[in-house]
Amino acid sequence: MVVKIFYFVVAIFSAVMIFLAAQDPYLANVLKVDTKISNMQVNDVVDYEINSTKISGVYESDELNRYNDRDEFLDFKARILRGNLRHFLSSDKAISQNDEIIFQKNANYENNDSLKFKSDEVIYNTKTKIVRSEANFTITRNGDKALGDSGSYDLGKKQTQIKGLRAWVEEKQRF
């Protein structure tokens, strides 16, 4: 009798397991991948750009959040050496998505040639090598100052296009 009950329970258990295996998993709908939620977070990021003879760039971020379609860097800073120019770049937030890097909130650029650029948002396309800003910006160099409503700079052609340009140029007096 005990053996018959055991076989009956095993048969019911087997039928239920086959039925459950044929169904969609219960948690599949509950645990759908949400692209608005970061799937990886890294704190205190430091990345070095190295060639065969020297370190040509240091990129730092307090926090990196990786999503399916983009990477977000919080409190981003970069120090880059190209030729005899040293470039310093910082922003509160940087987003790398497809071929574009978007620097948001307090985007600042400086180099050791006394050039400073400040804006709320700067977009750099890594394929076309074009830097653009749709937000108001300020450029200063030594005593010269230029303000613009929006603009772009083509690094390959070395061409600048600016809308709403207002500039003040200081000229040294010659005696």
N, C-alpha and C. Protein backbone atom coordinates (compact mmCIF):
# COMPACT_ATOMS: atom_id res chain seq x y z
N MET A 1 0.82 -1.18 0.00
CA MET A 1 0.00 0.00 0.00
C MET A 1 0.86 1.25 0.00
N VAL A 2 1.90 1.28 0.80
CA VAL A 2 2.79 2.42 0.87
C VAL A 2 3.49 2.60 -0.48
N VAL A 3 3.82 1.51 -1.13
CA VAL A 3 4.50 1.58 -2.44
C VAL A 3 3.54 2.18 -3.47
N LYS A 4 2.25 1.80 -3.43
CA LYS A 4 1.28 2.35 -4.38
C LYS A 4 1.12 3.87 -4.16
N ILE A 5 1.07 4.30 -2.91
CA ILE A 5 0.95 5.75 -2.62
C ILE A 5 2.21 6.48 -3.11
N PHE A 6 3.38 5.87 -2.87
CA PHE A 6 4.63 6.48 -3.33
C PHE A 6 4.63 6.62 -4.85
N TYR A 7 4.24 5.57 -5.61
CA TYR A 7 4.18 5.65 -7.07
C TYR A 7 3.16 6.70 -7.53
N PHE A 8 2.05 6.82 -6.83
CA PHE A 8 1.03 7.79 -7.19
C PHE A 8 1.57 9.22 -6.99
N VAL A 9 2.25 9.47 -5.88
CA VAL A 9 2.83 10.80 -5.61
C VAL A 9 3.92 11.13 -6.63
N VAL A 10 4.74 10.14 -6.97
CA VAL A 10 5.79 10.35 -7.98
C VAL A 10 5.16 10.66 -9.34
N ALA A 11 4.08 9.96 -9.69
CA ALA A 11 3.40 10.20 -10.97
C ALA A 11 2.81 11.60 -11.00
N ILE A 12 2.16 12.02 -9.93
CA ILE A 12 1.60 13.38 -9.86
C ILE A 12 2.73 14.41 -9.94
N PHE A 13 3.80 14.19 -9.20
CA PHE A 13 4.95 15.10 -9.21
C PHE A 13 5.54 15.21 -10.61
N SER A 14 5.69 14.11 -11.30
CA SER A 14 6.24 14.11 -12.66
C SER A 14 5.34 14.86 -13.63
N ALA A 15 4.02 14.65 -13.51
CA ALA A 15 3.08 15.33 -14.40
C ALA A 15 3.12 16.84 -14.15
N VAL A 16 3.19 17.25 -12.88
CA VAL A 16 3.26 18.68 -12.55
C VAL A 16 4.57 19.27 -13.07
N MET A 17 5.68 18.57 -12.93
CA MET A 17 6.97 19.08 -13.41
C MET A 17 6.98 19.22 -14.92
N ILE A 18 6.41 18.30 -15.65
CA ILE A 18 6.33 18.40 -17.11
C ILE A 18 5.45 19.59 -17.50
N PHE A 19 4.33 19.78 -16.79
CA PHE A 19 3.44 20.91 -17.06
C PHE A 19 4.17 22.23 -16.81
N LEU A 20 4.90 22.33 -15.68
CA LEU A 20 5.63 23.56 -15.36
C LEU A 20 6.78 23.82 -16.33
N ALA A 21 7.45 22.80 -16.78
CA ALA A 21 8.55 22.97 -17.73
C ALA A 21 8.06 23.49 -19.08
N ALA A 22 6.84 23.16 -19.44
CA ALA A 22 6.28 23.61 -20.71
C ALA A 22 5.77 25.04 -20.64
N GLN A 23 5.58 25.59 -19.45
CA GLN A 23 5.05 26.93 -19.28
C GLN A 23 6.19 27.96 -19.29
N ASP A 24 5.84 29.24 -19.50
CA ASP A 24 6.80 30.34 -19.38
C ASP A 24 7.17 30.47 -17.91
N PRO A 25 8.39 30.76 -17.63
CA PRO A 25 8.79 30.93 -16.23
C PRO A 25 8.00 32.07 -15.57
N TYR A 26 7.65 31.88 -14.34
CA TYR A 26 6.84 32.84 -13.62
C TYR A 26 7.55 34.19 -13.51
N LEU A 27 8.85 34.19 -13.27
CA LEU A 27 9.58 35.43 -13.05
C LEU A 27 10.02 36.12 -14.34
N ALA A 28 9.81 35.53 -15.48
CA ALA A 28 10.26 36.14 -16.74
C ALA A 28 9.62 37.49 -16.96
N ASN A 29 8.35 37.64 -16.64
CA ASN A 29 7.68 38.92 -16.82
C ASN A 29 8.03 39.90 -15.71
N VAL A 30 8.34 39.41 -14.54
CA VAL A 30 8.66 40.27 -13.42
C VAL A 30 10.07 40.84 -13.57
N LEU A 31 11.03 40.06 -14.05
CA LEU A 31 12.43 40.47 -14.14
C LEU A 31 12.84 40.86 -15.55
N LYS A 32 11.99 41.55 -16.28
CA LYS A 32 12.37 42.03 -17.61
C LYS A 32 13.50 43.03 -17.48
N VAL A 33 14.37 43.08 -18.48
CA VAL A 33 15.50 43.99 -18.46
C VAL A 33 14.98 45.41 -18.68
N ASP A 34 15.28 46.27 -17.74
CA ASP A 34 14.87 47.67 -17.83
C ASP A 34 16.08 48.49 -18.25
N THR A 35 16.02 49.12 -19.43
CA THR A 35 17.16 49.86 -19.95
C THR A 35 17.37 51.18 -19.21
N LYS A 36 16.43 51.56 -18.35
CA LYS A 36 16.60 52.78 -17.58
C LYS A 36 17.43 52.54 -16.33
N ILE A 37 17.68 51.29 -16.01
CA ILE A 37 18.44 50.93 -14.82
C ILE A 37 19.83 50.51 -15.24
N SER A 38 20.81 51.06 -14.58
CA SER A 38 22.20 50.73 -14.88
C SER A 38 22.46 49.26 -14.56
N ASN A 39 23.17 48.57 -15.48
CA ASN A 39 23.46 47.17 -15.21
C ASN A 39 24.87 46.97 -14.67
N MET A 40 25.62 48.08 -14.53
CA MET A 40 26.94 48.01 -13.91
C MET A 40 27.30 49.39 -13.37
N GLN A 41 27.92 49.42 -12.22
CA GLN A 41 28.38 50.67 -11.63
C GLN A 41 29.80 50.48 -11.13
N VAL A 42 30.66 51.46 -11.45
CA VAL A 42 32.05 51.43 -11.03
C VAL A 42 32.36 52.78 -10.38
N ASN A 43 33.01 52.77 -9.24
CA ASN A 43 33.37 54.00 -8.54
C ASN A 43 34.86 54.28 -8.69
N ASP A 44 35.23 55.56 -8.64
CA ASP A 44 36.63 56.01 -8.70
C ASP A 44 37.37 55.43 -9.90
N VAL A 45 36.90 55.76 -11.09
CA VAL A 45 37.46 55.25 -12.33
C VAL A 45 38.66 56.09 -12.74
N VAL A 46 39.76 55.44 -13.10
CA VAL A 46 40.93 56.11 -13.66
C VAL A 46 41.37 55.28 -14.86
N ASP A 47 41.47 55.94 -16.04
CA ASP A 47 41.86 55.26 -17.27
C ASP A 47 43.05 56.00 -17.87
N TYR A 48 44.07 55.27 -18.28
CA TYR A 48 45.27 55.86 -18.86
C TYR A 48 45.32 55.55 -20.34
N GLU A 49 45.64 56.57 -21.14
CA GLU A 49 45.89 56.39 -22.57
C GLU A 49 47.41 56.32 -22.73
N ILE A 50 47.90 55.16 -23.16
CA ILE A 50 49.33 54.92 -23.19
C ILE A 50 49.75 54.55 -24.61
N ASN A 51 50.86 55.15 -25.08
CA ASN A 51 51.47 54.68 -26.32
C ASN A 51 52.79 54.02 -25.96
N SER A 52 53.63 53.77 -26.91
CA SER A 52 54.84 53.00 -26.64
C SER A 52 55.88 53.76 -25.81
N THR A 53 55.77 55.08 -25.74
CA THR A 53 56.80 55.83 -25.02
C THR A 53 56.31 56.59 -23.80
N LYS A 54 55.01 56.92 -23.73
CA LYS A 54 54.55 57.75 -22.62
C LYS A 54 53.05 57.60 -22.38
N ILE A 55 52.61 58.17 -21.29
CA ILE A 55 51.18 58.27 -21.00
C ILE A 55 50.70 59.57 -21.63
N SER A 56 49.76 59.48 -22.58
CA SER A 56 49.31 60.68 -23.29
C SER A 56 47.95 61.18 -22.82
N GLY A 57 47.32 60.48 -21.89
CA GLY A 57 46.04 60.94 -21.38
C GLY A 57 45.66 60.21 -20.10
N VAL A 58 45.02 60.96 -19.20
CA VAL A 58 44.48 60.37 -17.97
C VAL A 58 43.02 60.82 -17.89
N TYR A 59 42.11 59.86 -17.78
CA TYR A 59 40.68 60.13 -17.71
C TYR A 59 40.18 59.63 -16.37
N GLU A 60 39.47 60.50 -15.64
CA GLU A 60 39.00 60.14 -14.30
C GLU A 60 37.51 60.43 -14.17
N SER A 61 36.86 59.65 -13.34
CA SER A 61 35.45 59.85 -13.04
C SER A 61 35.17 59.30 -11.65
N ASP A 62 34.33 60.01 -10.91
CA ASP A 62 33.96 59.51 -9.58
C ASP A 62 33.07 58.28 -9.68
N GLU A 63 32.26 58.21 -10.73
CA GLU A 63 31.32 57.09 -10.87
C GLU A 63 31.03 56.84 -12.35
N LEU A 64 31.00 55.57 -12.73
CA LEU A 64 30.62 55.15 -14.08
C LEU A 64 29.39 54.27 -13.97
N ASN A 65 28.35 54.59 -14.73
CA ASN A 65 27.14 53.77 -14.80
C ASN A 65 26.99 53.29 -16.23
N ARG A 66 26.95 51.99 -16.41
CA ARG A 66 26.82 51.41 -17.75
C ARG A 66 25.38 50.94 -17.94
N TYR A 67 24.78 51.42 -19.04
CA TYR A 67 23.45 51.02 -19.46
C TYR A 67 23.59 50.22 -20.75
N ASN A 68 22.50 49.65 -21.25
CA ASN A 68 22.58 48.88 -22.49
C ASN A 68 23.00 49.73 -23.67
N ASP A 69 22.60 51.01 -23.69
CA ASP A 69 22.84 51.84 -24.86
C ASP A 69 23.83 52.99 -24.64
N ARG A 70 24.34 53.16 -23.41
CA ARG A 70 25.24 54.28 -23.15
C ARG A 70 26.02 54.04 -21.86
N ASP A 71 27.07 54.86 -21.69
CA ASP A 71 27.84 54.90 -20.45
C ASP A 71 27.76 56.31 -19.91
N GLU A 72 27.54 56.46 -18.62
CA GLU A 72 27.47 57.77 -17.98
C GLU A 72 28.58 57.90 -16.95
N PHE A 73 29.32 59.00 -17.05
CA PHE A 73 30.42 59.29 -16.14
C PHE A 73 30.03 60.51 -15.30
N LEU A 74 30.13 60.41 -13.99
CA LEU A 74 29.82 61.52 -13.11
C LEU A 74 31.11 62.15 -12.61
N ASP A 75 31.16 63.48 -12.60
CA ASP A 75 32.33 64.26 -12.23
C ASP A 75 33.54 63.82 -13.06
N PHE A 76 33.43 64.02 -14.36
CA PHE A 76 34.43 63.59 -15.33
C PHE A 76 35.56 64.61 -15.43
N LYS A 77 36.80 64.12 -15.49
CA LYS A 77 37.98 64.96 -15.68
C LYS A 77 38.94 64.26 -16.64
N ALA A 78 39.58 65.04 -17.51
CA ALA A 78 40.57 64.47 -18.43
C ALA A 78 41.76 65.40 -18.54
N ARG A 79 42.95 64.81 -18.57
CA ARG A 79 44.19 65.52 -18.84
C ARG A 79 44.85 64.82 -20.02
N ILE A 80 45.00 65.57 -21.13
CA ILE A 80 45.46 64.96 -22.37
C ILE A 80 46.66 65.74 -22.89
N LEU A 81 47.67 65.02 -23.37
CA LEU A 81 48.85 65.63 -23.95
C LEU A 81 48.87 65.30 -25.44
N ARG A 82 48.78 66.33 -26.30
CA ARG A 82 48.84 66.16 -27.76
C ARG A 82 49.86 67.16 -28.29
N GLY A 83 50.96 66.66 -28.81
CA GLY A 83 52.02 67.55 -29.27
C GLY A 83 52.59 68.29 -28.07
N ASN A 84 52.69 69.62 -28.19
CA ASN A 84 53.19 70.39 -27.06
C ASN A 84 52.07 71.08 -26.29
N LEU A 85 50.82 70.70 -26.55
CA LEU A 85 49.67 71.26 -25.84
C LEU A 85 49.15 70.28 -24.79
N ARG A 86 48.85 70.82 -23.63
CA ARG A 86 48.20 70.04 -22.58
C ARG A 86 46.75 70.49 -22.51
N HIS A 87 45.84 69.52 -22.58
CA HIS A 87 44.40 69.81 -22.59
C HIS A 87 43.80 69.32 -21.27
N PHE A 88 42.95 70.17 -20.67
CA PHE A 88 42.25 69.81 -19.45
C PHE A 88 40.76 69.94 -19.72
N LEU A 89 40.02 68.88 -19.45
CA LEU A 89 38.59 68.85 -19.74
C LEU A 89 37.86 68.34 -18.51
N SER A 90 36.73 68.99 -18.18
CA SER A 90 35.95 68.52 -17.03
C SER A 90 34.47 68.83 -17.26
N SER A 91 33.62 68.03 -16.65
CA SER A 91 32.18 68.27 -16.66
C SER A 91 31.55 67.49 -15.52
N ASP A 92 30.37 67.93 -15.09
CA ASP A 92 29.68 67.23 -14.02
C ASP A 92 29.21 65.85 -14.49
N LYS A 93 28.87 65.74 -15.78
CA LYS A 93 28.37 64.48 -16.32
C LYS A 93 28.83 64.33 -17.76
N ALA A 94 29.29 63.15 -18.13
CA ALA A 94 29.68 62.86 -19.51
C ALA A 94 28.97 61.57 -19.92
N ILE A 95 28.39 61.58 -21.12
CA ILE A 95 27.65 60.42 -21.62
C ILE A 95 28.29 59.97 -22.92
N SER A 96 28.70 58.72 -22.98
CA SER A 96 29.25 58.14 -24.20
C SER A 96 28.17 57.24 -24.81
N GLN A 97 27.69 57.65 -25.99
CA GLN A 97 26.60 56.91 -26.63
C GLN A 97 26.87 56.88 -28.13
N ASN A 98 26.96 55.67 -28.69
CA ASN A 98 27.28 55.47 -30.10
C ASN A 98 28.58 56.18 -30.42
N ASP A 99 28.57 57.13 -31.35
CA ASP A 99 29.78 57.83 -31.76
C ASP A 99 29.92 59.19 -31.11
N GLU A 100 29.09 59.50 -30.12
CA GLU A 100 29.11 60.82 -29.51
C GLU A 100 29.44 60.75 -28.02
N ILE A 101 30.17 61.77 -27.57
CA ILE A 101 30.41 61.96 -26.15
C ILE A 101 29.79 63.30 -25.81
N ILE A 102 28.85 63.29 -24.87
CA ILE A 102 28.11 64.50 -24.49
C ILE A 102 28.56 64.91 -23.09
N PHE A 103 29.12 66.12 -23.00
CA PHE A 103 29.55 66.67 -21.72
C PHE A 103 28.46 67.62 -21.25
N GLN A 104 27.87 67.33 -20.09
CA GLN A 104 26.74 68.12 -19.59
C GLN A 104 27.10 68.78 -18.27
N LYS A 105 26.51 69.95 -18.05
CA LYS A 105 26.63 70.70 -16.80
C LYS A 105 28.08 71.05 -16.50
N ASN A 106 28.38 72.32 -16.61
CA ASN A 106 29.72 72.84 -16.31
C ASN A 106 30.81 72.19 -17.16
N ALA A 107 30.61 72.14 -18.46
CA ALA A 107 31.63 71.61 -19.36
C ALA A 107 32.72 72.67 -19.51
N ASN A 108 33.93 72.33 -19.11
CA ASN A 108 35.06 73.26 -19.15
C ASN A 108 36.21 72.63 -19.91
N TYR A 109 36.88 73.46 -20.73
CA TYR A 109 38.08 73.03 -21.45
C TYR A 109 39.13 74.11 -21.28
N GLU A 110 40.35 73.70 -21.00
CA GLU A 110 41.49 74.62 -20.91
C GLU A 110 42.69 73.96 -21.55
N ASN A 111 43.60 74.79 -22.07
CA ASN A 111 44.88 74.25 -22.50
C ASN A 111 45.99 75.18 -22.02
N ASN A 112 47.24 74.76 -22.17
CA ASN A 112 48.34 75.56 -21.67
C ASN A 112 48.69 76.71 -22.61
N ASP A 113 47.86 76.95 -23.63
CA ASP A 113 48.00 78.08 -24.53
C ASP A 113 47.04 79.21 -24.12
N SER A 114 46.57 79.19 -22.88
CA SER A 114 45.69 80.19 -22.27
C SER A 114 44.29 80.22 -22.88
N LEU A 115 43.87 79.17 -23.52
CA LEU A 115 42.51 79.10 -24.09
C LEU A 115 41.59 78.41 -23.07
N LYS A 116 40.43 79.04 -22.82
CA LYS A 116 39.44 78.47 -21.91
C LYS A 116 38.08 78.50 -22.60
N PHE A 117 37.33 77.41 -22.45
CA PHE A 117 36.00 77.28 -23.04
C PHE A 117 35.06 76.78 -21.96
N LYS A 118 33.90 77.44 -21.81
CA LYS A 118 32.92 77.03 -20.81
C LYS A 118 31.54 77.01 -21.44
N SER A 119 30.77 75.96 -21.13
CA SER A 119 29.41 75.84 -21.63
C SER A 119 28.64 74.88 -20.74
N ASP A 120 27.31 74.86 -20.90
CA ASP A 120 26.50 73.89 -20.16
C ASP A 120 26.48 72.53 -20.83
N GLU A 121 26.70 72.50 -22.15
CA GLU A 121 26.69 71.22 -22.86
C GLU A 121 27.60 71.29 -24.08
N VAL A 122 28.42 70.27 -24.26
CA VAL A 122 29.30 70.15 -25.42
C VAL A 122 29.16 68.73 -25.94
N ILE A 123 29.05 68.59 -27.26
CA ILE A 123 28.90 67.28 -27.89
C ILE A 123 30.07 67.06 -28.84
N TYR A 124 30.77 65.95 -28.68
CA TYR A 124 31.91 65.62 -29.53
C TYR A 124 31.61 64.33 -30.28
N ASN A 125 31.67 64.38 -31.61
CA ASN A 125 31.47 63.20 -32.43
C ASN A 125 32.83 62.59 -32.73
N THR A 126 33.06 61.36 -32.30
CA THR A 126 34.37 60.74 -32.43
C THR A 126 34.69 60.32 -33.87
N LYS A 127 33.68 60.11 -34.70
CA LYS A 127 33.94 59.73 -36.10
C LYS A 127 34.21 60.94 -36.98
N THR A 128 33.36 61.97 -36.89
CA THR A 128 33.52 63.14 -37.74
C THR A 128 34.52 64.14 -37.17
N LYS A 129 34.90 63.98 -35.90
CA LYS A 129 35.82 64.89 -35.21
C LYS A 129 35.29 66.32 -35.19
N ILE A 130 33.99 66.45 -34.94
CA ILE A 130 33.35 67.75 -34.84
C ILE A 130 32.85 67.95 -33.41
N VAL A 131 33.22 69.10 -32.84
CA VAL A 131 32.77 69.49 -31.50
C VAL A 131 31.69 70.55 -31.70
N ARG A 132 30.56 70.38 -31.01
CA ARG A 132 29.50 71.38 -31.15
C ARG A 132 28.86 71.64 -29.80
N SER A 133 28.26 72.83 -29.69
CA SER A 133 27.53 73.20 -28.49
C SER A 133 26.27 73.91 -28.92
N GLU A 134 25.14 73.43 -28.46
CA GLU A 134 23.85 74.07 -28.73
C GLU A 134 23.48 75.04 -27.62
N ALA A 135 24.28 75.09 -26.58
CA ALA A 135 24.04 75.97 -25.43
C ALA A 135 24.96 77.19 -25.52
N ASN A 136 24.64 78.21 -24.75
CA ASN A 136 25.51 79.39 -24.70
C ASN A 136 26.89 79.00 -24.20
N PHE A 137 27.92 79.66 -24.72
CA PHE A 137 29.28 79.34 -24.32
C PHE A 137 30.12 80.60 -24.22
N THR A 138 31.24 80.47 -23.52
CA THR A 138 32.21 81.55 -23.35
C THR A 138 33.59 81.01 -23.68
N ILE A 139 34.32 81.76 -24.51
CA ILE A 139 35.71 81.41 -24.83
C ILE A 139 36.57 82.60 -24.42
N THR A 140 37.64 82.32 -23.67
CA THR A 140 38.58 83.37 -23.30
C THR A 140 39.99 82.92 -23.65
N ARG A 141 40.79 83.88 -24.05
CA ARG A 141 42.21 83.61 -24.31
C ARG A 141 42.96 84.90 -24.00
N ASN A 142 43.83 84.80 -23.02
CA ASN A 142 44.53 85.98 -22.50
C ASN A 142 43.47 87.03 -22.13
N GLY A 143 43.44 88.19 -22.75
CA GLY A 143 42.45 89.20 -22.43
C GLY A 143 41.26 89.21 -23.37
N ASP A 144 41.26 88.33 -24.36
CA ASP A 144 40.17 88.28 -25.35
C ASP A 144 39.03 87.42 -24.82
N LYS A 145 37.80 87.82 -25.19
CA LYS A 145 36.63 87.08 -24.73
C LYS A 145 35.60 87.01 -25.85
N ALA A 146 35.01 85.83 -26.04
CA ALA A 146 33.96 85.66 -27.05
C ALA A 146 32.81 84.88 -26.43
N LEU A 147 31.59 85.36 -26.70
CA LEU A 147 30.38 84.68 -26.25
C LEU A 147 29.61 84.23 -27.48
N GLY A 148 28.94 83.10 -27.39
CA GLY A 148 28.15 82.61 -28.51
C GLY A 148 26.91 81.89 -28.04
N ASP A 149 25.88 81.89 -28.91
CA ASP A 149 24.64 81.18 -28.60
C ASP A 149 24.76 79.69 -28.90
N SER A 150 25.44 79.35 -29.97
CA SER A 150 25.72 77.96 -30.33
C SER A 150 26.84 77.97 -31.35
N GLY A 151 27.47 76.82 -31.54
CA GLY A 151 28.56 76.77 -32.51
C GLY A 151 29.13 75.38 -32.65
N SER A 152 30.03 75.26 -33.63
CA SER A 152 30.71 73.99 -33.87
C SER A 152 32.13 74.25 -34.34
N TYR A 153 32.99 73.26 -34.13
CA TYR A 153 34.38 73.35 -34.57
C TYR A 153 34.76 72.01 -35.16
N ASP A 154 35.22 72.03 -36.42
CA ASP A 154 35.67 70.83 -37.12
C ASP A 154 37.17 70.70 -36.90
N LEU A 155 37.59 69.69 -36.14
CA LEU A 155 39.00 69.52 -35.83
C LEU A 155 39.83 69.18 -37.06
N GLY A 156 39.25 68.47 -38.02
CA GLY A 156 39.98 68.09 -39.23
C GLY A 156 40.22 69.28 -40.14
N LYS A 157 39.18 70.07 -40.40
CA LYS A 157 39.28 71.22 -41.30
C LYS A 157 39.71 72.49 -40.58
N LYS A 158 39.69 72.46 -39.25
CA LYS A 158 39.99 73.63 -38.42
C LYS A 158 39.09 74.81 -38.79
N GLN A 159 37.78 74.53 -38.90
CA GLN A 159 36.78 75.54 -39.22
C GLN A 159 35.80 75.68 -38.07
N THR A 160 35.44 76.94 -37.79
CA THR A 160 34.51 77.24 -36.71
C THR A 160 33.27 77.91 -37.27
N GLN A 161 32.11 77.52 -36.77
CA GLN A 161 30.85 78.17 -37.11
C GLN A 161 30.18 78.54 -35.79
N ILE A 162 29.85 79.84 -35.63
CA ILE A 162 29.26 80.32 -34.38
C ILE A 162 28.03 81.16 -34.70
N LYS A 163 26.95 80.91 -33.96
CA LYS A 163 25.73 81.73 -34.06
C LYS A 163 25.66 82.64 -32.85
N GLY A 164 25.31 83.90 -33.08
CA GLY A 164 25.17 84.86 -31.98
C GLY A 164 26.49 85.24 -31.36
N LEU A 165 27.51 85.48 -32.16
CA LEU A 165 28.84 85.79 -31.65
C LEU A 165 28.92 87.24 -31.14
N ARG A 166 29.47 87.38 -29.94
CA ARG A 166 29.81 88.68 -29.37
C ARG A 166 31.23 88.54 -28.85
N ALA A 167 32.13 89.43 -29.32
CA ALA A 167 33.54 89.27 -28.97
C ALA A 167 34.15 90.58 -28.52
N TRP A 168 35.10 90.48 -27.57
CA TRP A 168 35.89 91.59 -27.09
C TRP A 168 37.34 91.19 -27.25
N VAL A 169 38.08 92.00 -28.04
CA VAL A 169 39.48 91.68 -28.32
C VAL A 169 40.33 92.81 -27.76
N GLU A 170 41.29 92.45 -26.92
CA GLU A 170 42.20 93.44 -26.38
C GLU A 170 43.42 93.51 -27.27
N GLU A 171 43.79 94.73 -27.59
CA GLU A 171 44.97 94.93 -28.43
C GLU A 171 45.97 95.73 -27.63
N LYS A 172 47.19 95.26 -27.62
CA LYS A 172 48.24 95.95 -26.88
C LYS A 172 48.63 97.20 -27.65
N GLN A 173 48.80 98.29 -26.92
CA GLN A 173 49.21 99.55 -27.55
C GLN A 173 50.70 99.50 -27.83
N ARG A 174 51.05 99.99 -29.00
CA ARG A 174 52.46 100.01 -29.41
C ARG A 174 52.96 101.45 -29.34
N PHE A 175 54.10 101.63 -28.73
CA PHE A 175 54.68 102.98 -28.62
C PHE A 175 55.91 103.07 -29.47
